[in-house]
Protein backbone atom coordinates (compact mmCIF):
# COMPACT_ATOMS: atom_id res chain seq x y z
CA UNK A 1 -165.23 -167.16 29.87
CA UNK A 2 -168.67 -167.70 29.96
CA UNK A 3 -169.99 -165.55 32.77
CA UNK A 4 -168.53 -162.69 30.35
CA UNK A 5 -170.09 -164.26 26.90
CA UNK A 6 -173.56 -164.14 29.06
CA UNK A 7 -172.90 -160.51 30.02
CA UNK A 8 -172.09 -159.76 26.61
CA UNK A 9 -174.88 -160.82 25.16
CA UNK A 10 -177.23 -159.26 28.05
CA UNK A 11 -175.35 -155.86 27.17
CA UNK A 12 -176.66 -156.22 23.67
CA UNK A 13 -180.10 -157.57 24.23
CA UNK A 14 -180.55 -154.83 26.62
CA UNK A 15 -178.82 -152.12 24.09
CA UNK A 16 -180.69 -152.06 21.09
CA UNK A 17 -180.73 -148.82 20.20
CA UNK A 18 -177.06 -148.46 20.42
CA UNK A 19 -175.28 -149.13 16.98
CA UNK A 20 -173.13 -152.51 16.97
CA UNK A 21 -169.84 -149.95 16.02
CA UNK A 22 -170.59 -147.97 19.38
CA UNK A 23 -171.29 -151.51 21.36
CA UNK A 24 -168.10 -153.24 20.70
CA UNK A 25 -166.11 -150.13 20.91
CA UNK A 26 -167.44 -150.22 24.55
CA UNK A 27 -167.63 -154.00 24.80
CA UNK A 28 -164.45 -154.54 26.61
CA UNK A 29 -164.89 -151.90 29.05
CA UNK A 30 -167.94 -153.69 30.52
CA UNK A 31 -166.39 -157.05 31.11
CA UNK A 32 -163.48 -155.80 32.34
CA UNK A 33 -165.85 -153.50 35.21
CA UNK A 34 -167.77 -157.36 35.06
CA UNK A 35 -164.54 -159.01 36.50
CA UNK A 36 -163.81 -157.01 39.35
CA UNK A 37 -167.51 -157.18 40.89
CA UNK A 38 -168.32 -160.07 43.19
CA UNK A 39 -169.62 -163.06 41.58
CA UNK A 40 -172.98 -163.05 44.31
CA UNK A 41 -173.99 -159.07 43.93
CA UNK A 42 -176.47 -158.41 40.46
CA UNK A 43 -174.44 -156.88 37.70
CA UNK A 44 -176.86 -153.89 37.17
CA UNK A 45 -177.03 -153.89 32.92
CA UNK A 46 -174.97 -151.03 31.37
CA UNK A 47 -177.31 -148.07 29.89
CA UNK A 48 -177.06 -147.12 26.39
CA UNK A 49 -174.46 -144.92 25.76
CA UNK A 50 -175.04 -141.39 24.82
CA UNK A 51 -173.33 -140.05 21.77
CA UNK A 52 -171.79 -136.67 21.67
CA UNK A 53 -173.90 -133.61 20.40
CA UNK A 54 -171.92 -133.51 16.61
CA UNK A 55 -172.14 -137.74 16.98
CA UNK A 56 -176.18 -137.43 17.35
CA UNK A 57 -176.35 -134.58 14.95
CA UNK A 58 -174.72 -136.42 11.88
CA UNK A 59 -176.61 -139.49 12.86
CA UNK A 60 -179.79 -137.81 12.65
CA UNK A 61 -179.30 -135.98 9.88
CA UNK A 62 -177.92 -139.26 7.90
CA UNK A 63 -181.27 -141.13 8.66
CA UNK A 64 -183.63 -138.94 8.76
CA UNK A 65 -184.94 -138.87 5.73
CA UNK A 66 -185.20 -142.77 5.87
CA UNK A 67 -188.40 -144.57 7.24
CA UNK A 68 -186.29 -147.49 8.23
CA UNK A 69 -184.65 -147.56 11.59
CA UNK A 70 -180.54 -147.00 11.08
CA UNK A 71 -178.83 -150.21 9.92
CA UNK A 72 -176.48 -152.11 12.62
CA UNK A 73 -173.52 -151.69 10.21
CA UNK A 74 -170.48 -150.63 12.15
CA UNK A 75 -169.17 -148.28 8.87
CA UNK A 76 -172.26 -146.72 9.01
CA UNK A 77 -171.05 -145.01 12.06
CA UNK A 78 -167.07 -145.43 11.56
CA UNK A 79 -167.77 -142.87 9.42
CA UNK A 80 -169.81 -140.24 11.86
CA UNK A 81 -167.98 -140.74 14.40
CA UNK A 82 -164.33 -140.77 13.68
CA UNK A 83 -164.03 -137.40 12.65
CA UNK A 84 -160.41 -137.70 12.80
CA UNK A 85 -159.89 -139.88 9.95
CA UNK A 86 -162.28 -138.65 7.36
CA UNK A 87 -163.20 -134.30 6.69
CA UNK A 88 -166.79 -133.83 8.42
CA UNK A 89 -167.86 -132.26 4.68
CA UNK A 90 -167.44 -135.84 3.31
CA UNK A 91 -170.33 -137.39 6.11
CA UNK A 92 -172.37 -134.39 5.65
CA UNK A 93 -172.41 -133.79 1.95
CA UNK A 94 -174.24 -137.17 1.29
CA UNK A 95 -176.60 -136.94 3.59
CA UNK A 96 -177.76 -133.69 3.68
CA UNK A 97 -178.69 -134.04 0.12
CA UNK A 98 -180.51 -137.24 0.98
CA UNK A 99 -182.07 -135.12 3.39
CA UNK A 100 -183.34 -132.29 1.04
CA UNK A 101 -183.84 -134.09 -1.56
CA UNK A 102 -186.66 -136.33 0.37
CA UNK A 103 -188.30 -133.19 2.42
CA UNK A 104 -188.04 -130.06 0.01
CA UNK A 105 -190.44 -129.07 -1.41
CA UNK A 106 -190.79 -125.99 -4.21
CA UNK A 107 -191.73 -123.02 -2.91
CA UNK A 108 -193.52 -122.02 -6.15
CA UNK A 109 -194.64 -124.41 -8.10
CA UNK A 110 -196.58 -121.45 -10.77
CA UNK A 111 -193.43 -119.30 -11.28
CA UNK A 112 -191.54 -122.43 -11.79
CA UNK A 113 -193.92 -123.79 -14.80
CA UNK A 114 -194.35 -120.52 -16.32
CA UNK A 115 -190.20 -120.82 -16.19
CA UNK A 116 -190.25 -123.60 -18.62
CA UNK A 117 -192.92 -122.57 -20.36
CA UNK A 118 -191.83 -119.33 -20.92
CA UNK A 119 -187.92 -121.34 -21.62
CA UNK A 120 -189.79 -123.66 -24.29
CA UNK A 121 -191.12 -120.92 -26.35
CA UNK A 122 -187.93 -119.16 -26.77
CA UNK A 123 -186.59 -122.65 -27.56
CA UNK A 124 -189.26 -123.04 -30.24
CA UNK A 125 -188.64 -119.29 -31.86
CA UNK A 126 -184.94 -120.62 -32.01
CA UNK A 127 -185.52 -123.32 -34.10
CA UNK A 128 -187.48 -120.80 -36.57
CA UNK A 129 -184.01 -120.22 -38.77
CA UNK A 130 -185.53 -117.62 -40.76
CA UNK A 131 -186.47 -114.96 -37.58
CA UNK A 132 -183.62 -115.89 -35.42
CA UNK A 133 -181.45 -114.77 -38.46
CA UNK A 134 -183.46 -111.50 -38.95
CA UNK A 135 -183.65 -110.73 -35.42
CA UNK A 136 -180.19 -111.74 -33.91
CA UNK A 137 -180.54 -109.28 -31.49
CA UNK A 138 -183.71 -109.75 -29.91
CA UNK A 139 -183.58 -113.05 -29.72
CA UNK A 140 -180.36 -113.09 -27.95
CA UNK A 141 -181.37 -110.54 -25.72
CA UNK A 142 -184.58 -112.32 -24.67
CA UNK A 143 -182.71 -115.31 -23.97
CA UNK A 144 -179.94 -113.76 -21.80
CA UNK A 145 -182.73 -111.93 -19.95
CA UNK A 146 -184.58 -114.76 -19.61
CA UNK A 147 -181.69 -116.79 -18.38
CA UNK A 148 -180.67 -114.37 -15.76
CA UNK A 149 -183.65 -114.14 -14.29
CA UNK A 150 -183.15 -117.43 -13.84
CA UNK A 151 -180.02 -117.15 -11.64
CA UNK A 152 -181.40 -114.37 -10.00
CA UNK A 153 -184.67 -116.59 -8.88
CA UNK A 154 -182.76 -119.86 -8.18
CA UNK A 155 -183.53 -120.23 -4.94
CA UNK A 156 -187.52 -120.00 -5.67
CA UNK A 157 -187.49 -121.77 -8.77
CA UNK A 158 -185.04 -124.73 -7.45
CA UNK A 159 -182.88 -124.51 -10.60
CA UNK A 160 -178.76 -124.66 -9.83
CA UNK A 161 -177.73 -121.01 -11.11
CA UNK A 162 -174.57 -123.13 -12.61
CA UNK A 163 -177.13 -125.50 -14.87
CA UNK A 164 -179.04 -122.25 -15.90
CA UNK A 165 -175.82 -120.74 -17.03
CA UNK A 166 -174.40 -123.08 -19.32
CA UNK A 167 -177.73 -123.98 -20.57
CA UNK A 168 -177.73 -120.05 -21.47
CA UNK A 169 -174.68 -119.93 -22.92
CA UNK A 170 -175.37 -122.68 -25.89
CA UNK A 171 -178.70 -121.15 -26.54
CA UNK A 172 -176.83 -117.75 -27.31
CA UNK A 173 -174.07 -119.38 -29.27
CA UNK A 174 -176.80 -121.48 -30.87
CA UNK A 175 -178.58 -117.75 -31.88
CA UNK A 176 -174.94 -116.61 -32.79
CA UNK A 177 -174.47 -119.42 -35.23
CA UNK A 178 -177.96 -119.07 -37.02
CA UNK A 179 -177.99 -115.05 -37.08
CA UNK A 180 -174.30 -114.62 -38.19
CA UNK A 181 -172.54 -114.27 -41.44
CA UNK A 182 -171.95 -117.94 -41.77
CA UNK A 183 -171.51 -120.79 -39.34
CA UNK A 184 -167.33 -120.29 -39.97
CA UNK A 185 -167.90 -117.37 -38.54
CA UNK A 186 -169.64 -118.13 -35.59
CA UNK A 187 -167.28 -121.05 -35.04
CA UNK A 188 -164.24 -118.50 -35.16
CA UNK A 189 -165.26 -116.62 -32.57
CA UNK A 190 -166.69 -119.30 -30.26
CA UNK A 191 -162.72 -120.45 -30.23
CA UNK A 192 -161.29 -117.43 -30.06
CA UNK A 193 -163.89 -116.76 -26.77
CA UNK A 194 -163.12 -120.08 -25.40
CA UNK A 195 -159.63 -119.24 -25.40
CA UNK A 196 -159.75 -116.15 -23.24
CA UNK A 197 -162.99 -118.10 -21.08
CA UNK A 198 -160.12 -121.07 -20.19
CA UNK A 199 -157.56 -118.68 -18.72
CA UNK A 200 -159.48 -118.10 -15.99
CA UNK A 201 -161.49 -121.40 -15.37
CA UNK A 202 -157.98 -122.60 -15.08
CA UNK A 203 -157.30 -120.21 -12.73
CA UNK A 204 -160.03 -120.34 -10.68
CA UNK A 205 -159.32 -124.33 -10.60
CA UNK A 206 -155.70 -123.79 -9.43
CA UNK A 207 -156.35 -121.24 -6.81
CA UNK A 208 -159.39 -123.09 -5.26
CA UNK A 209 -157.42 -126.20 -5.20
CA UNK A 210 -154.13 -124.79 -3.54
CA UNK A 211 -156.64 -122.93 -0.66
CA UNK A 212 -158.01 -125.91 -0.01
CA UNK A 213 -155.00 -127.89 0.16
CA UNK A 214 -153.68 -125.48 2.80
CA UNK A 215 -157.67 -125.33 5.20
CA UNK A 216 -157.17 -129.08 5.00
CA UNK A 217 -153.77 -129.06 6.41
CA UNK A 218 -155.14 -126.34 8.91
CA UNK A 219 -152.71 -124.26 7.57
CA UNK A 220 -155.06 -120.94 8.35
CA UNK A 221 -154.31 -121.37 12.36
CA UNK A 222 -151.24 -119.52 11.88
CA UNK A 223 -153.84 -116.35 11.00
CA UNK A 224 -156.27 -116.79 13.63
CA UNK A 225 -154.30 -118.27 16.69
CA UNK A 226 -152.82 -114.93 16.70
CA UNK A 227 -156.31 -113.08 17.64
CA UNK A 228 -156.12 -113.31 21.04
CA UNK A 229 -157.88 -109.70 22.17
CA UNK A 230 -161.40 -110.15 23.55
CA UNK A 231 -162.82 -106.52 23.77
CA UNK A 232 -165.50 -106.39 21.16
CA UNK A 233 -164.52 -103.07 19.48
CA UNK A 234 -160.85 -103.72 18.99
CA UNK A 235 -161.85 -107.06 18.10
CA UNK A 236 -163.91 -105.60 15.48
CA UNK A 237 -160.70 -103.72 14.49
CA UNK A 238 -159.07 -106.85 14.14
CA UNK A 239 -161.10 -109.15 12.86
CA UNK A 240 -161.76 -106.28 9.64
CA UNK A 241 -157.94 -105.72 8.97
CA UNK A 242 -157.23 -109.71 8.81
CA UNK A 243 -159.56 -110.64 6.95
CA UNK A 244 -158.95 -107.18 4.81
CA UNK A 245 -155.25 -108.69 4.11
CA UNK A 246 -156.12 -112.32 3.71
CA UNK A 247 -158.43 -111.88 1.46
CA UNK A 248 -156.05 -109.56 -1.07
CA UNK A 249 -153.91 -112.86 -1.42
CA UNK A 250 -157.13 -115.41 -1.80
CA UNK A 251 -160.18 -115.12 -2.94
CA UNK A 252 -162.73 -113.01 -1.04
CA UNK A 253 -165.00 -115.96 -0.43
CA UNK A 254 -163.06 -118.37 0.78
CA UNK A 255 -161.57 -115.67 3.75
CA UNK A 256 -164.86 -115.36 4.67
CA UNK A 257 -165.66 -119.08 5.17
CA UNK A 258 -161.87 -118.78 7.18
CA UNK A 259 -162.91 -116.10 9.31
CA UNK A 260 -166.38 -117.20 9.85
CA UNK A 261 -165.35 -120.34 11.04
CA UNK A 262 -162.67 -118.48 13.58
CA UNK A 263 -165.96 -116.09 14.54
CA UNK A 264 -167.97 -119.30 15.71
CA UNK A 265 -164.92 -120.24 17.83
CA UNK A 266 -164.43 -116.99 19.35
CA UNK A 267 -167.41 -115.42 19.97
CA UNK A 268 -171.05 -117.21 21.20
CA UNK A 269 -174.19 -116.81 19.18
CA UNK A 270 -175.33 -113.21 19.19
CA UNK A 271 -176.41 -110.04 17.75
CA UNK A 272 -172.23 -108.97 17.93
CA UNK A 273 -171.18 -112.39 16.25
CA UNK A 274 -173.73 -111.39 13.37
CA UNK A 275 -172.05 -108.16 13.21
CA UNK A 276 -168.66 -109.13 12.96
CA UNK A 277 -169.88 -111.67 10.10
CA UNK A 278 -171.09 -108.15 8.45
CA UNK A 279 -167.42 -106.91 9.33
CA UNK A 280 -166.16 -109.92 7.24
CA UNK A 281 -168.24 -109.93 4.61
CA UNK A 282 -166.86 -105.89 3.93
CA UNK A 283 -163.47 -106.73 4.53
CA UNK A 284 -163.36 -109.38 2.08
CA UNK A 285 -164.52 -107.13 -0.68
CA UNK A 286 -162.61 -104.67 0.04
CA UNK A 287 -159.43 -106.62 0.26
CA UNK A 288 -159.94 -108.41 -2.95
CA UNK A 289 -160.73 -105.03 -5.01
CA UNK A 290 -157.30 -104.30 -4.68
CA UNK A 291 -155.13 -106.82 -5.96
CA UNK A 292 -155.10 -108.63 -8.49
CA UNK A 293 -155.34 -112.29 -7.23
CA UNK A 294 -158.21 -111.25 -4.24
CA UNK A 295 -161.56 -111.24 -6.13
CA UNK A 296 -162.57 -112.82 -9.63
CA UNK A 297 -163.82 -109.84 -11.62
CA UNK A 298 -160.18 -108.03 -10.83
CA UNK A 299 -158.51 -111.48 -11.94
CA UNK A 300 -160.38 -111.45 -15.60
CA UNK A 301 -159.62 -107.63 -15.71
CA UNK A 302 -155.88 -107.91 -14.97
CA UNK A 303 -155.96 -111.46 -17.10
CA UNK A 304 -157.17 -109.36 -20.36
CA UNK A 305 -154.84 -106.55 -19.48
CA UNK A 306 -157.16 -103.80 -18.76
CA UNK A 307 -155.18 -103.43 -15.04
CA UNK A 308 -151.63 -104.57 -14.43
CA UNK A 309 -150.28 -105.57 -10.89
CA UNK A 310 -148.83 -102.31 -9.87
CA UNK A 311 -150.71 -99.67 -11.07
CA UNK A 312 -154.20 -101.95 -9.41
CA UNK A 313 -152.22 -101.58 -5.93
CA UNK A 314 -150.78 -98.68 -5.76
CA UNK A 315 -154.26 -96.78 -7.15
CA UNK A 316 -156.73 -98.65 -4.92
CA UNK A 317 -155.20 -99.61 -1.94
CA UNK A 318 -155.69 -96.38 -0.32
CA UNK A 319 -159.32 -96.10 -1.62
CA UNK A 320 -159.78 -100.15 -0.51
CA UNK A 321 -158.72 -99.16 3.07
CA UNK A 322 -161.07 -96.27 3.18
CA UNK A 323 -164.01 -98.14 2.15
CA UNK A 324 -163.12 -100.62 5.37
CA UNK A 325 -162.00 -98.06 7.87
CA UNK A 326 -165.45 -95.72 7.57
CA UNK A 327 -167.97 -98.72 8.05
CA UNK A 328 -165.59 -99.96 10.98
CA UNK A 329 -165.94 -96.67 12.27
CA UNK A 330 -169.25 -96.43 12.40
CA UNK A 331 -170.30 -99.72 13.93
CA UNK A 332 -167.57 -99.33 16.79
CA UNK A 333 -170.45 -96.65 17.80
CA UNK A 334 -173.30 -99.15 18.14
CA UNK A 335 -174.54 -100.70 20.73
CA UNK A 336 -173.20 -104.24 20.06
CA UNK A 337 -169.88 -103.39 19.48
CA UNK A 338 -170.12 -100.95 23.52
CA UNK A 339 -171.11 -105.13 25.18
CA UNK A 340 -169.52 -106.83 27.77
CA UNK A 341 -166.41 -108.59 26.83
CA UNK A 342 -166.72 -111.83 24.56
CA UNK A 343 -165.75 -115.19 26.31
CA UNK A 344 -163.52 -117.87 23.66
CA UNK A 345 -164.96 -121.33 23.09
CA UNK A 346 -162.73 -124.43 23.94
CA UNK A 347 -162.75 -125.23 20.50
CA UNK A 348 -160.13 -123.02 19.16
CA UNK A 349 -157.65 -125.21 21.05
CA UNK A 350 -158.91 -128.54 20.55
CA UNK A 351 -158.29 -128.23 17.00
CA UNK A 352 -154.35 -129.58 15.86
CA UNK A 353 -152.87 -128.44 13.02
CA UNK A 354 -151.96 -131.94 10.71
CA UNK A 355 -148.64 -132.70 10.03
CA UNK A 356 -146.40 -130.48 8.04
CA UNK A 357 -148.83 -127.95 8.29
CA UNK A 358 -147.24 -124.92 8.43
CA UNK A 359 -144.71 -125.87 5.22
CA UNK A 360 -147.83 -126.27 3.58
CA UNK A 361 -149.69 -123.03 4.26
CA UNK A 362 -146.03 -121.78 3.31
CA UNK A 363 -145.57 -123.39 0.08
CA UNK A 364 -149.36 -122.75 -0.72
CA UNK A 365 -149.15 -118.66 0.18
CA UNK A 366 -146.29 -118.63 -1.60
CA UNK A 367 -147.34 -120.10 -5.17
CA UNK A 368 -150.22 -117.59 -4.85
CA UNK A 369 -148.30 -114.60 -4.46
CA UNK A 370 -145.71 -116.02 -7.05
CA UNK A 371 -148.21 -115.79 -10.01
CA UNK A 372 -147.73 -111.91 -10.42
CA UNK A 373 -144.20 -112.33 -10.52
CA UNK A 374 -143.76 -115.68 -12.89
CA UNK A 375 -146.45 -113.43 -15.42
CA UNK A 376 -143.94 -110.51 -15.43
CA UNK A 377 -140.59 -112.86 -15.67
CA UNK A 378 -142.10 -115.37 -18.59
CA UNK A 379 -144.67 -113.20 -20.35
CA UNK A 380 -146.90 -116.47 -19.62
CA UNK A 381 -150.77 -116.14 -18.68
CA UNK A 382 -151.38 -115.78 -15.32
CA UNK A 383 -153.27 -119.27 -14.93
CA UNK A 384 -149.91 -121.09 -16.00
CA UNK A 385 -148.08 -119.34 -13.22
CA UNK A 386 -151.17 -121.16 -10.62
CA UNK A 387 -150.58 -124.47 -11.97
CA UNK A 388 -146.86 -124.36 -11.60
CA UNK A 389 -147.75 -123.73 -7.76
CA UNK A 390 -150.30 -126.86 -7.93
CA UNK A 391 -148.01 -128.88 -9.39
CA UNK A 392 -145.42 -128.22 -7.01
CA UNK A 393 -147.96 -128.88 -4.02
CA UNK A 394 -149.35 -131.80 -5.67
CA UNK A 395 -146.27 -132.88 -5.09
CA UNK A 396 -144.85 -132.06 -2.01
CA UNK A 397 -148.10 -133.37 -0.26
CA UNK A 398 -147.93 -136.77 -1.92
CA UNK A 399 -144.15 -137.02 -1.03
CA UNK A 400 -145.14 -135.80 2.87
CA UNK A 401 -147.80 -138.12 3.18
CA UNK A 402 -145.87 -140.77 1.42
CA UNK A 403 -147.53 -144.24 2.75
CA UNK A 404 -150.05 -142.85 5.24
CA UNK A 405 -153.93 -144.24 3.95
CA UNK A 406 -155.27 -141.84 6.78
CA UNK A 407 -153.95 -139.05 5.13
CA UNK A 408 -155.63 -139.39 2.37
CA UNK A 409 -157.78 -136.62 2.99
CA UNK A 410 -154.90 -134.15 2.74
CA UNK A 411 -154.05 -134.89 -1.26
CA UNK A 412 -155.04 -133.00 -3.54
CA UNK A 413 -156.96 -135.45 -5.47
CA UNK A 414 -159.27 -135.07 -2.45
CA UNK A 415 -159.07 -131.74 -2.32
CA UNK A 416 -160.52 -131.72 -5.95
CA UNK A 417 -163.54 -133.27 -4.64
CA UNK A 418 -164.03 -130.88 -2.26
CA UNK A 419 -164.06 -127.57 -4.28
CA UNK A 420 -166.63 -125.29 -5.90
CA UNK A 421 -166.67 -127.00 -9.13
CA UNK A 422 -170.44 -125.99 -9.28
CA UNK A 423 -169.16 -122.08 -8.68
CA UNK A 424 -166.48 -122.51 -11.94
CA UNK A 425 -168.62 -123.95 -13.91
CA UNK A 426 -171.22 -120.83 -13.13
CA UNK A 427 -168.18 -118.71 -14.07
CA UNK A 428 -167.66 -120.49 -17.69
CA UNK A 429 -171.36 -119.99 -18.85
CA UNK A 430 -171.56 -116.36 -17.63
CA UNK A 431 -168.50 -115.50 -19.77
CA UNK A 432 -169.55 -117.90 -22.61
CA UNK A 433 -173.01 -115.87 -22.74
CA UNK A 434 -171.25 -112.52 -22.40
CA UNK A 435 -169.09 -113.37 -25.25
CA UNK A 436 -171.80 -114.04 -27.23
CA UNK A 437 -173.25 -110.77 -26.81
CA UNK A 438 -170.37 -109.10 -27.69
CA UNK A 439 -169.29 -110.92 -30.70
CA UNK A 440 -173.07 -110.00 -32.38
CA UNK A 441 -172.09 -106.32 -31.00
CA UNK A 442 -175.17 -105.84 -28.66
CA UNK A 443 -172.57 -104.82 -25.89
CA UNK A 444 -170.93 -101.96 -28.16
CA UNK A 445 -174.62 -100.83 -29.09
CA UNK A 446 -174.86 -100.84 -25.51
CA UNK A 447 -171.81 -98.97 -24.86
CA UNK A 448 -172.83 -96.43 -27.39
CA UNK A 449 -176.30 -95.69 -25.77
CA UNK A 450 -174.52 -95.03 -22.52
CA UNK A 451 -171.87 -92.67 -24.03
CA UNK A 452 -174.64 -90.65 -24.67
CA UNK A 453 -176.71 -90.68 -22.09
CA UNK A 454 -174.05 -90.44 -19.48
CA UNK A 455 -171.05 -88.75 -20.88
CA UNK A 456 -169.23 -88.94 -17.72
CA UNK A 457 -167.27 -92.64 -17.10
CA UNK A 458 -167.12 -92.40 -13.37
CA UNK A 459 -170.80 -91.66 -13.24
CA UNK A 460 -171.06 -95.36 -15.37
CA UNK A 461 -168.06 -97.07 -13.11
CA UNK A 462 -170.24 -96.15 -10.05
CA UNK A 463 -173.37 -97.19 -11.18
CA UNK A 464 -171.97 -100.64 -12.24
CA UNK A 465 -171.00 -100.85 -8.34
CA UNK A 466 -174.56 -100.16 -7.33
CA UNK A 467 -175.95 -102.56 -9.72
CA UNK A 468 -173.86 -105.38 -8.21
CA UNK A 469 -175.30 -104.98 -5.36
CA UNK A 470 -178.30 -106.92 -7.04
CA UNK A 471 -176.86 -108.62 -10.09
CA UNK A 472 -173.59 -110.41 -10.10
CA UNK A 473 -170.77 -108.44 -10.36
CA UNK A 474 -169.31 -111.29 -12.44
CA UNK A 475 -171.42 -110.86 -15.77
CA UNK A 476 -171.27 -107.08 -15.36
CA UNK A 477 -167.64 -106.92 -15.52
CA UNK A 478 -167.43 -109.31 -18.24
CA UNK A 479 -170.25 -107.22 -20.03
CA UNK A 480 -168.08 -104.09 -19.44
CA UNK A 481 -165.08 -104.82 -20.35
CA UNK A 482 -166.90 -106.06 -24.13
CA UNK A 483 -168.81 -102.93 -24.02
CA UNK A 484 -165.35 -101.24 -24.05
CA UNK A 485 -162.26 -102.42 -25.39
CA UNK A 486 -158.65 -100.70 -24.85
CA UNK A 487 -158.71 -98.42 -27.42
CA UNK A 488 -161.74 -96.83 -25.52
CA UNK A 489 -160.07 -96.87 -22.44
CA UNK A 490 -156.57 -97.58 -22.37
CA UNK A 491 -154.85 -99.62 -19.89
CA UNK A 492 -154.55 -99.14 -16.27
CA UNK A 493 -157.31 -96.24 -17.19
CA UNK A 494 -159.10 -94.72 -14.38
CA UNK A 495 -161.81 -95.94 -15.66
CA UNK A 496 -160.95 -99.94 -15.65
CA UNK A 497 -159.74 -99.11 -11.99
CA UNK A 498 -162.68 -97.21 -10.96
CA UNK A 499 -164.61 -100.69 -12.19
CA UNK A 500 -162.43 -103.04 -10.49
CA UNK A 501 -163.16 -101.26 -7.11
CA UNK A 502 -166.91 -100.55 -7.46
CA UNK A 503 -167.97 -103.96 -8.86
CA UNK A 504 -165.64 -105.26 -5.65
CA UNK A 505 -167.08 -103.16 -2.97
CA UNK A 506 -170.26 -102.46 -4.14
CA UNK A 507 -171.58 -105.69 -3.22
CA UNK A 508 -171.50 -105.27 0.22
CA UNK A 509 -174.03 -102.92 0.54
CA UNK A 510 -176.41 -106.38 0.04
CA UNK A 511 -176.31 -109.90 1.80
CA UNK A 512 -176.89 -111.42 -1.64
CA UNK A 513 -174.33 -109.08 -3.82
CA UNK A 514 -171.68 -110.99 -3.37
CA UNK A 515 -169.92 -114.32 -3.12
CA UNK A 516 -168.97 -113.49 0.41
CA UNK A 517 -172.28 -112.41 1.47
CA UNK A 518 -173.64 -115.07 0.33
CA UNK A 519 -171.44 -117.41 2.20
CA UNK A 520 -171.99 -115.48 5.47
CA UNK A 521 -176.00 -115.36 4.96
CA UNK A 522 -175.83 -119.49 4.57
CA UNK A 523 -173.16 -120.17 7.71
CA UNK A 524 -174.80 -117.94 9.84
CA UNK A 525 -178.35 -117.91 9.01
CA UNK A 526 -178.55 -114.02 8.50
CA UNK A 527 -181.96 -112.62 7.25
CA UNK A 528 -182.02 -110.49 4.31
CA UNK A 529 -183.71 -107.67 5.82
CA UNK A 530 -181.35 -108.04 9.24
CA UNK A 531 -178.19 -107.34 6.86
CA UNK A 532 -180.07 -104.09 5.22
CA UNK A 533 -181.45 -102.59 8.54
CA UNK A 534 -177.72 -103.45 10.65
CA UNK A 535 -175.68 -103.27 7.55
CA UNK A 536 -176.08 -101.66 4.50
CA UNK A 537 -175.98 -98.19 5.51
CA UNK A 538 -172.57 -98.74 7.11
CA UNK A 539 -171.29 -100.38 4.04
CA UNK A 540 -172.69 -97.50 1.53
CA UNK A 541 -171.10 -95.11 3.60
CA UNK A 542 -167.83 -97.15 3.11
CA UNK A 543 -168.56 -97.37 -0.89
CA UNK A 544 -169.10 -94.02 -1.18
CA UNK A 545 -165.76 -92.64 0.99
CA UNK A 546 -163.63 -95.18 -1.09
CA UNK A 547 -164.86 -94.03 -4.64
CA UNK A 548 -164.09 -90.15 -3.35
CA UNK A 549 -160.87 -91.67 -1.66
CA UNK A 550 -160.27 -92.65 -5.11
CA UNK A 551 -161.12 -89.79 -7.31
CA UNK A 552 -159.02 -87.41 -5.17
CA UNK A 553 -156.17 -89.34 -5.10
CA UNK A 554 -155.72 -89.41 -8.90
CA UNK A 555 -155.40 -85.40 -8.47
CA UNK A 556 -151.88 -85.60 -6.07
CA UNK A 557 -149.37 -86.54 -6.90
CA UNK A 558 -148.38 -89.81 -5.65
CA UNK A 559 -145.59 -92.45 -6.25
CA UNK A 560 -143.93 -95.28 -5.47
CA UNK A 561 -140.31 -95.38 -4.02
CA UNK A 562 -138.02 -95.47 -6.57
CA UNK A 563 -136.40 -98.76 -4.89
CA UNK A 564 -139.54 -100.43 -5.45
CA UNK A 565 -140.15 -99.08 -8.90
CA UNK A 566 -136.85 -100.49 -10.21
CA UNK A 567 -138.21 -104.29 -8.75
CA UNK A 568 -137.95 -105.74 -12.64
CA UNK A 569 -141.14 -107.90 -12.19
CA UNK A 570 -143.36 -105.17 -10.86
CA UNK A 571 -142.91 -102.80 -14.14
CA UNK A 572 -143.46 -105.43 -16.42
CA UNK A 573 -147.04 -107.01 -14.71
């Protein structure tokens, strides 16, 4: 016993760089080895045990922002080492925020100062009630332009776009309350706008939580594990169409994250993997355009009554397939897609599905698909169907993981902490801002101007798609809905369907044009100009081919099979 104590103390003294949690974890093995050696022989002191790359990366990231040495608390290392008990995000988000807070330096302080000064001047002008009352439209346009510039140049200014969007929304409604005939009129308009916007916010909140729960259970392995081909050209098409159909049920952002994570395990870092990531972006945007739950813009149009489930799927499926098939065919001719076969990574087989993962995947997917059915059967807004699915999944996960303290991350409360709350608040700010412009009549004036100068509605919808490659498609579609009501273009008209298609697929032309592209840019560290040189031409060809296919299809007698058309819930959706 005395010898063991001395050896244990020697190990601690000789290994100061090894965290105490790791020393304690391996100490029994060292002592057992010492007992088996003859006593006369000198025992070499063990060298510090090297950490695996993933643990070493987390440790360096956690303590690189602090000038003091790493603490010797076992709990600090247990959080990083025991990855099976902790979702990776829970040990990285806080760490990375501390790291960037300590090391971040604004790129352009002068631009930031000018923006703050301009904001202050706009606020001072808004205080002047008499000027705002006389020039309400000018004031609102200036504030909207200033706020939107802050959103576009988010990275340069280091301002989060969600905060800018919320601030812009409040300022616009303050100006509207000053310029309205009375405060009661502005309050009534705000109440009506809030009721409409909240439907979208609740829908997104429920959908993102369901997807997060399925992802936490590794449910998407049921899809990704079936991808076995390693032929570069075949893999290009397989990844494209798997993402296409996955995005039609999930949103395009989630589909991109799932598929890019899969590519990291299938293909080593290379130009070919970047090309596959670009295929994921194009496929996710194309797949989300032809279903009412595949993209936030089609969801907005569906919730507000511009499109219905059956008509949007019937009208946009073929154009969406064409907008994907054309880029895939062109990319198949590139040198990257004609290289040698790729070797899969061992990481793909090392991941294990969580308990009851298949059940959670089936229930979660069924909840998403059931939303249009619920709307048709009950007549209630779609967000009620989404909340119904979330409630069922919540009770299910609580039941199957009851009494398991190590599975808290698989339950809904933990999933709510991991969803993109900032994105939801950004949508809230943008939609409230656009609704203020609609209440003031500014969007109607813009619509009249476009009608006078661009009489062809197809050209207007196509221009919206091109603009969505530069400007976020959410405010573009929201503004379009404000400019043209159902009296101008009735439900399921060619204009609304073309707007849904163009706004969804047009963002693929630039990597910053869609949430899917921005996610791919961050995950794979892809440069803007690389995407512009390698992919933008292919994406534009697919976008133009999709529009041509849609216009050609409208002149052909297309109809669904009679058996499908007689399904009750489809007719009313």
